Amino acid sequence: MGYSKVNVHELEPAGRGGAVRFVRRELDLLAFGINWFELAPNAEGHQHNEQDSGQEEVNVIVRGSGTYVIEGEEVPIREGDIFRFDPDTTRGPKAGPEGLTMVAVGAPRGSYEPRGPF
């Protein structure tokens, strides 16, 4: 089959506190990781880095607000923000009073070869 499809609202909540929907697994995606996160109001996400996996990660804030604790510094988050993290950067989201929804995409550094002017 040339494509796969999943609706995030039909995926079972998993991970710490049921905050993650494992999109990559459901799509049987092999080129990069992608997951959907929903943090409840005022909830703290997992502090982590990707040093062991070597993945560079991008987080797209879909809804809500809060802060990202990046290497101990609190950085404000709002809808529409896009963060890029080096593999060894420790970070973790904290949702604001309305909660926080984000999409995380990751792949090992150097696995992408830019093509053209895009």
Protein backbone atom coordinates (compact mmCIF):
# COMPACT_ATOMS: atom_id res chain seq x y z
CA MET A 1 0.00 0.00 0.00
CA GLY A 2 1.34 3.45 -0.89
CA TYR A 3 0.06 5.27 2.19
CA SER A 4 -1.14 4.87 5.74
CA LYS A 5 -3.53 6.96 7.81
CA VAL A 6 -4.37 7.32 11.46
CA ASN A 7 -6.56 9.69 13.45
CA VAL A 8 -4.81 10.80 16.62
CA HIS A 9 -8.13 10.91 18.50
CA GLU A 10 -8.58 7.18 17.88
CA LEU A 11 -5.20 6.22 19.36
CA GLU A 12 -4.95 4.91 22.90
CA PRO A 13 -3.25 7.28 25.34
CA ALA A 14 0.09 5.85 26.46
CA GLY A 15 3.32 6.88 28.11
CA ARG A 16 3.63 8.81 31.36
CA GLY A 17 0.20 9.93 32.49
CA GLY A 18 -1.33 8.90 29.15
CA ALA A 19 0.11 12.05 27.56
CA VAL A 20 1.42 10.50 24.34
CA ARG A 21 -0.16 9.00 21.22
CA PHE A 22 2.43 6.85 19.41
CA VAL A 23 1.80 7.98 15.84
CA ARG A 24 4.99 6.53 14.32
CA ARG A 25 4.12 3.02 15.47
CA GLU A 26 0.60 3.21 14.10
CA LEU A 27 1.78 4.46 10.70
CA ASP A 28 4.62 1.90 10.60
CA LEU A 29 6.94 4.81 9.84
CA LEU A 30 10.65 3.99 9.46
CA ALA A 31 12.26 7.28 8.31
CA PHE A 32 11.68 9.40 11.43
CA GLY A 33 9.76 9.47 14.70
CA ILE A 34 6.55 11.44 15.21
CA ASN A 35 4.31 11.48 18.26
CA TRP A 36 1.38 13.55 19.56
CA PHE A 37 1.46 14.82 23.14
CA GLU A 38 -1.42 16.20 25.21
CA LEU A 39 -0.57 17.53 28.67
CA ALA A 40 -3.38 18.27 31.10
CA PRO A 41 -3.65 21.78 32.57
CA ASN A 42 -0.59 22.61 34.70
CA ALA A 43 0.96 19.15 34.09
CA GLU A 44 4.70 18.65 33.70
CA GLY A 45 6.07 16.63 30.82
CA HIS A 46 9.09 14.36 30.89
CA GLN A 47 12.52 16.01 31.26
CA HIS A 48 14.81 14.26 28.79
CA ASN A 49 17.38 14.50 26.02
CA GLU A 50 18.07 12.33 22.99
CA GLN A 51 21.80 11.95 23.56
CA ASP A 52 21.64 8.14 23.42
CA SER A 53 19.54 8.04 20.23
CA GLY A 54 21.33 10.95 18.54
CA GLN A 55 18.00 12.34 17.38
CA GLU A 56 17.51 15.99 16.57
CA GLU A 57 13.94 16.84 17.56
CA VAL A 58 11.36 19.43 16.53
CA ASN A 59 8.32 20.18 18.69
CA VAL A 60 5.35 22.03 17.17
CA ILE A 61 2.96 23.61 19.67
CA VAL A 62 -0.54 22.94 18.33
CA ARG A 63 -2.67 24.24 21.21
CA GLY A 64 -2.29 25.77 24.63
CA SER A 65 0.60 27.44 26.37
CA GLY A 66 3.05 27.00 29.22
CA THR A 67 6.82 26.88 29.49
CA TYR A 68 9.63 24.68 28.26
CA VAL A 69 12.41 24.01 30.76
CA ILE A 70 15.51 23.90 28.55
CA GLU A 71 18.79 23.20 30.34
CA GLY A 72 17.22 24.70 33.50
CA GLU A 73 15.91 27.86 31.78
CA GLU A 74 12.15 28.43 31.54
CA VAL A 75 11.14 29.52 28.02
CA PRO A 76 7.52 30.59 27.35
CA ILE A 77 5.44 28.39 25.02
CA ARG A 78 2.44 29.48 22.98
CA GLU A 79 0.40 28.07 20.13
CA GLY A 80 2.33 28.18 16.86
CA ASP A 81 5.80 27.99 18.43
CA ILE A 82 8.25 25.53 16.88
CA PHE A 83 11.29 24.37 18.85
CA ARG A 84 14.34 22.50 17.53
CA PHE A 85 16.54 20.61 19.99
CA ASP A 86 20.03 19.20 19.64
CA PRO A 87 20.26 15.59 20.83
CA ASP A 88 22.14 16.48 24.04
CA THR A 89 19.84 19.33 25.11
CA THR A 90 17.78 18.44 28.20
CA ARG A 91 14.23 19.75 28.02
CA GLY A 92 10.72 19.21 29.31
CA PRO A 93 7.39 20.99 28.80
CA LYS A 94 5.13 22.39 31.52
CA ALA A 95 1.54 23.02 30.48
CA GLY A 96 -0.27 26.21 31.39
CA PRO A 97 -3.82 26.43 32.79
CA GLU A 98 -5.45 25.39 29.49
CA GLY A 99 -3.13 22.42 28.87
CA LEU A 100 -0.68 21.87 26.04
CA THR A 101 -0.82 19.88 22.80
CA MET A 102 2.26 19.36 20.66
CA VAL A 103 3.68 17.19 17.90
CA ALA A 104 7.25 15.90 18.27
CA VAL A 105 9.26 14.85 15.21
CA GLY A 106 12.76 13.39 15.42
CA ALA A 107 15.47 11.70 13.38
CA PRO A 108 19.18 11.10 13.80
CA ARG A 109 21.27 14.14 12.87
CA GLY A 110 22.67 13.92 9.37
CA SER A 111 20.04 11.47 8.10
CA TYR A 112 18.40 14.15 5.90
CA GLU A 113 19.98 15.51 2.74
CA PRO A 114 18.57 18.93 1.75
CA ARG A 115 17.32 19.07 -1.85
CA GLY A 116 16.86 22.24 -3.85
CA PRO A 117 15.99 25.62 -2.38
CA PHE A 118 13.34 24.28 0.00
